Amino acid sequence: MNRKDFFRKGLAKAFSVMEEGVNEISETWKSAVAEDKKTEPEKVPPKKTQIKVPKPKTAKSKFKGFRNLQFPPGADAKGKRFFSKCTACSDCIYACPYSVLFPVPDDKTGKHFPHMDVNLNACMLCKDYPCISACETGALLPYKENESPKFGKAKGFFQHCINSRTGEKTCETCAITCPIPNVVQFKGNKPSFSQDCVGCGLCVSSCPTFPKAIQVQ
């Protein structure tokens, strides 16, 4: 046997052994994979969750910066004449010596009309009403003799009153500051307000408690 044939037979035998080893490894691998598939739990695809997107809130155009607005002295109760005559010139605002009136924006017209909030700053019920005298358009008209403005009515919250804490008539500030006689009346130590109240807010501003024991509504 020559050397070429010897090496050919040797290589063929070596390759045969290698092929047998590869086949054995391959079979072992396949059987292991098959066993894993049997024992592996079945994968369930996750459920699709629907995400609820909240609807955007629409902004309200109505101005709500103030909660208890009243018309200036001399205006009609519902404000129909007031809004038809008022030019938003602010003359009444400048004429008020106590800075009770202030401009409030109106979304419909874009103007700033005079208003007041007697729970924040009381109307002093001036005898000559300079705010009315300053109005040249007829939006604010003078009161007749013995006629008074009506801004609302005072309401008491006795749980905040000093008298409710002391159990006695310790404080009478609301009765002392009220410009109209007999509007504030006491039942024991509890103040009450009669129908003659015009809602000027003087009792509110003078009330020493916090929160206030009186509000004009």
Protein backbone atom coordinates (compact mmCIF):
# COMPACT_ATOMS: atom_id res chain seq x y z
CA MET A 1 0.00 0.00 0.00
CA ASN A 2 1.50 3.29 -1.04
CA ARG A 3 1.54 6.35 1.16
CA LYS A 4 -1.34 8.14 -0.68
CA ASP A 5 -3.76 5.26 -0.15
CA PHE A 6 -2.71 5.00 3.51
CA PHE A 7 -3.50 8.65 4.18
CA ARG A 8 -6.77 8.47 2.21
CA LYS A 9 -8.02 5.52 4.32
CA GLY A 10 -6.89 7.25 7.52
CA LEU A 11 -8.71 10.49 6.68
CA ALA A 12 -11.85 8.64 5.62
CA LYS A 13 -11.91 6.77 8.95
CA ALA A 14 -11.39 10.01 10.90
CA PHE A 15 -14.18 11.76 9.05
CA SER A 16 -16.46 8.78 9.64
CA VAL A 17 -15.84 8.95 13.41
CA MET A 18 -16.44 12.72 13.40
CA GLU A 19 -19.70 12.28 11.46
CA GLU A 20 -20.93 9.70 13.96
CA GLY A 21 -20.13 12.09 16.85
CA VAL A 22 -21.91 15.00 15.18
CA ASN A 23 -24.99 12.88 14.49
CA GLU A 24 -25.03 11.68 18.10
CA ILE A 25 -24.80 15.30 19.41
CA SER A 26 -27.51 16.41 16.99
CA GLU A 27 -29.89 13.65 18.11
CA THR A 28 -29.24 14.45 21.77
CA TRP A 29 -29.94 18.13 21.14
CA LYS A 30 -33.19 17.41 19.30
CA SER A 31 -34.46 15.14 22.09
CA ALA A 32 -33.59 17.76 24.73
CA VAL A 33 -35.46 20.45 22.83
CA ALA A 34 -38.47 18.19 22.48
CA GLU A 35 -38.53 17.55 26.24
CA ASP A 36 -38.34 21.29 26.94
CA LYS A 37 -41.31 21.93 24.69
CA LYS A 38 -43.36 19.35 26.56
CA THR A 39 -42.63 20.85 29.99
CA GLU A 40 -42.71 24.54 28.92
CA PRO A 41 -46.10 26.23 29.70
CA GLU A 42 -48.06 27.44 26.74
CA LYS A 43 -47.53 31.12 26.17
CA VAL A 44 -50.79 33.05 26.07
CA PRO A 45 -50.62 36.32 24.16
CA PRO A 46 -51.32 39.30 26.44
CA LYS A 47 -54.73 40.90 26.17
CA LYS A 48 -54.86 44.26 24.56
CA THR A 49 -55.91 46.85 27.10
CA GLN A 50 -57.82 49.85 25.89
CA ILE A 51 -56.46 53.07 27.31
CA LYS A 52 -59.22 55.60 27.89
CA VAL A 53 -58.04 59.03 26.92
CA PRO A 54 -59.94 61.72 28.86
CA LYS A 55 -61.74 64.27 26.76
CA PRO A 56 -60.24 67.74 26.98
CA LYS A 57 -62.26 70.10 29.11
CA THR A 58 -63.66 73.01 27.19
CA ALA A 59 -62.90 76.32 28.80
CA LYS A 60 -65.95 78.32 29.79
CA SER A 61 -65.87 81.81 28.47
CA LYS A 62 -68.02 83.33 31.18
CA PHE A 63 -66.01 85.38 33.63
CA LYS A 64 -66.32 84.00 37.16
CA GLY A 65 -63.75 86.01 39.05
CA PHE A 66 -66.36 87.47 41.40
CA ARG A 67 -69.15 85.62 43.21
CA ASN A 68 -71.48 88.27 44.66
CA LEU A 69 -71.64 91.26 42.35
CA GLN A 70 -74.14 94.07 42.67
CA PHE A 71 -74.92 96.95 40.32
CA PRO A 72 -73.93 100.47 41.38
CA PRO A 73 -76.45 102.68 43.24
CA GLY A 74 -79.08 104.07 40.86
CA ALA A 75 -79.12 101.04 38.55
CA ASP A 76 -82.34 99.12 37.93
CA ALA A 77 -82.72 95.83 39.80
CA LYS A 78 -82.25 93.51 36.81
CA GLY A 79 -79.77 95.74 35.03
CA LYS A 80 -81.67 95.93 31.73
CA ARG A 81 -81.59 99.71 31.58
CA PHE A 82 -78.15 99.83 33.15
CA PHE A 83 -76.50 97.73 30.45
CA SER A 84 -78.39 99.48 27.63
CA LYS A 85 -77.31 102.94 28.83
CA CYS A 86 -73.87 102.34 30.37
CA THR A 87 -70.93 103.14 28.08
CA ALA A 88 -68.31 101.75 30.48
CA CYS A 89 -66.78 105.22 30.82
CA SER A 90 -65.84 104.53 34.48
CA ASP A 91 -66.90 108.03 35.61
CA CYS A 92 -68.91 106.55 38.48
CA ILE A 93 -65.89 104.50 39.55
CA TYR A 94 -63.69 107.59 39.76
CA ALA A 95 -66.42 109.56 41.53
CA CYS A 96 -66.85 107.06 44.42
CA PRO A 97 -64.92 108.53 47.40
CA TYR A 98 -64.59 105.11 49.05
CA SER A 99 -63.42 103.09 46.02
CA VAL A 100 -66.38 100.75 46.31
CA LEU A 101 -66.96 100.38 42.56
CA PHE A 102 -64.64 98.50 40.24
CA PRO A 103 -64.74 97.46 36.54
CA VAL A 104 -65.72 93.91 35.61
CA PRO A 105 -65.13 92.56 32.08
CA ASP A 106 -68.13 91.51 30.00
CA ASP A 107 -67.44 88.68 27.53
CA LYS A 108 -70.24 89.62 25.13
CA THR A 109 -69.32 93.26 24.57
CA GLY A 110 -65.66 93.32 25.62
CA LYS A 111 -66.40 96.32 27.84
CA HIS A 112 -65.70 96.76 31.55
CA PHE A 113 -68.88 97.65 33.44
CA PRO A 114 -68.89 99.04 37.00
CA HIS A 115 -69.95 96.69 39.78
CA MET A 116 -69.39 96.30 43.48
CA ASP A 117 -69.28 93.54 46.10
CA VAL A 118 -70.49 94.83 49.47
CA ASN A 119 -69.09 91.74 51.19
CA LEU A 120 -65.64 92.99 50.24
CA ASN A 121 -66.16 96.74 50.51
CA ALA A 122 -69.38 98.20 51.92
CA CYS A 123 -71.40 100.93 50.23
CA MET A 124 -71.43 103.97 52.52
CA LEU A 125 -74.88 105.10 51.30
CA CYS A 126 -73.69 108.63 50.58
CA LYS A 127 -76.45 111.23 50.83
CA ASP A 128 -75.55 112.87 47.53
CA TYR A 129 -74.49 109.64 45.73
CA PRO A 130 -71.59 111.10 43.71
CA CYS A 131 -71.50 107.95 41.59
CA ILE A 132 -75.03 108.71 40.33
CA SER A 133 -74.24 112.40 39.78
CA ALA A 134 -71.22 111.47 37.64
CA CYS A 135 -73.30 109.33 35.26
CA GLU A 136 -74.36 111.34 32.17
CA THR A 137 -76.01 108.55 30.18
CA GLY A 138 -78.95 107.71 32.45
CA ALA A 139 -77.59 104.29 33.41
CA LEU A 140 -77.71 105.42 37.07
CA LEU A 141 -80.76 107.42 38.10
CA PRO A 142 -81.29 109.43 41.35
CA TYR A 143 -83.45 107.93 44.08
CA LYS A 144 -86.80 109.42 44.96
CA GLU A 145 -87.42 110.98 48.35
CA ASN A 146 -87.34 108.36 51.14
CA GLU A 147 -86.19 105.75 48.64
CA SER A 148 -83.15 103.59 49.39
CA PRO A 149 -81.03 101.27 47.26
CA LYS A 150 -81.42 97.53 47.65
CA PHE A 151 -78.27 95.45 47.18
CA GLY A 152 -79.43 92.34 49.01
CA LYS A 153 -80.08 91.28 52.59
CA ALA A 154 -77.72 90.48 55.42
CA LYS A 155 -77.68 86.90 56.67
CA GLY A 156 -76.13 85.80 59.93
CA PHE A 157 -73.92 82.76 60.49
CA PHE A 158 -74.18 82.48 64.24
CA GLN A 159 -71.62 79.67 64.50
CA HIS A 160 -68.92 82.26 63.67
CA CYS A 161 -70.34 84.97 65.94
CA ILE A 162 -68.43 85.98 69.07
CA ASN A 163 -71.67 85.78 71.06
CA SER A 164 -72.05 82.09 70.23
CA ARG A 165 -68.65 81.43 71.76
CA THR A 166 -69.12 83.50 74.89
CA GLY A 167 -72.77 82.59 75.41
CA GLU A 168 -73.59 86.24 76.11
CA LYS A 169 -74.30 89.40 74.11
CA THR A 170 -70.62 90.29 74.13
CA CYS A 171 -70.53 91.94 70.68
CA GLU A 172 -73.06 94.39 69.20
CA THR A 173 -70.88 95.78 66.42
CA CYS A 174 -73.34 94.92 63.63
CA ALA A 175 -76.16 96.82 65.38
CA ILE A 176 -73.94 99.83 66.13
CA THR A 177 -72.68 100.22 62.56
CA CYS A 178 -76.00 99.62 60.76
CA PRO A 179 -77.18 102.96 59.29
CA ILE A 180 -80.87 101.98 59.30
CA PRO A 181 -82.70 101.91 62.66
CA ASN A 182 -84.03 98.61 64.01
CA VAL A 183 -82.68 96.46 61.21
CA VAL A 184 -80.44 94.49 63.58
CA GLN A 185 -82.41 92.95 66.43
CA PHE A 186 -81.23 90.57 69.14
CA LYS A 187 -83.03 87.52 70.42
CA GLY A 188 -81.01 86.85 73.54
CA ASN A 189 -77.43 87.06 72.28
CA LYS A 190 -78.24 86.14 68.66
CA PRO A 191 -78.52 88.95 66.05
CA SER A 192 -81.14 88.84 63.29
CA PHE A 193 -81.79 91.17 60.33
CA SER A 194 -85.18 92.56 59.36
CA GLN A 195 -86.64 92.99 55.88
CA ASP A 196 -85.69 96.69 55.98
CA CYS A 197 -82.06 95.72 55.43
CA VAL A 198 -80.74 97.21 52.16
CA GLY A 199 -77.60 95.05 52.04
CA CYS A 200 -75.09 97.90 52.20
CA GLY A 201 -72.51 95.59 53.81
CA LEU A 202 -71.50 97.89 56.68
CA CYS A 203 -72.30 95.18 59.21
CA VAL A 204 -70.13 92.75 57.24
CA SER A 205 -67.12 95.05 57.13
CA SER A 206 -67.40 95.84 60.85
CA CYS A 207 -67.85 92.21 61.97
CA PRO A 208 -64.63 91.31 63.85
CA THR A 209 -64.77 87.55 63.29
CA PHE A 210 -63.06 85.40 60.66
CA PRO A 211 -64.79 83.81 58.87
CA LYS A 212 -67.34 86.60 58.90
CA ALA A 213 -70.50 85.95 60.88
CA ILE A 214 -72.51 88.03 58.37
CA GLN A 215 -72.81 87.94 54.59
CA VAL A 216 -75.02 89.93 52.21
CA GLN A 217 -76.90 87.65 49.83
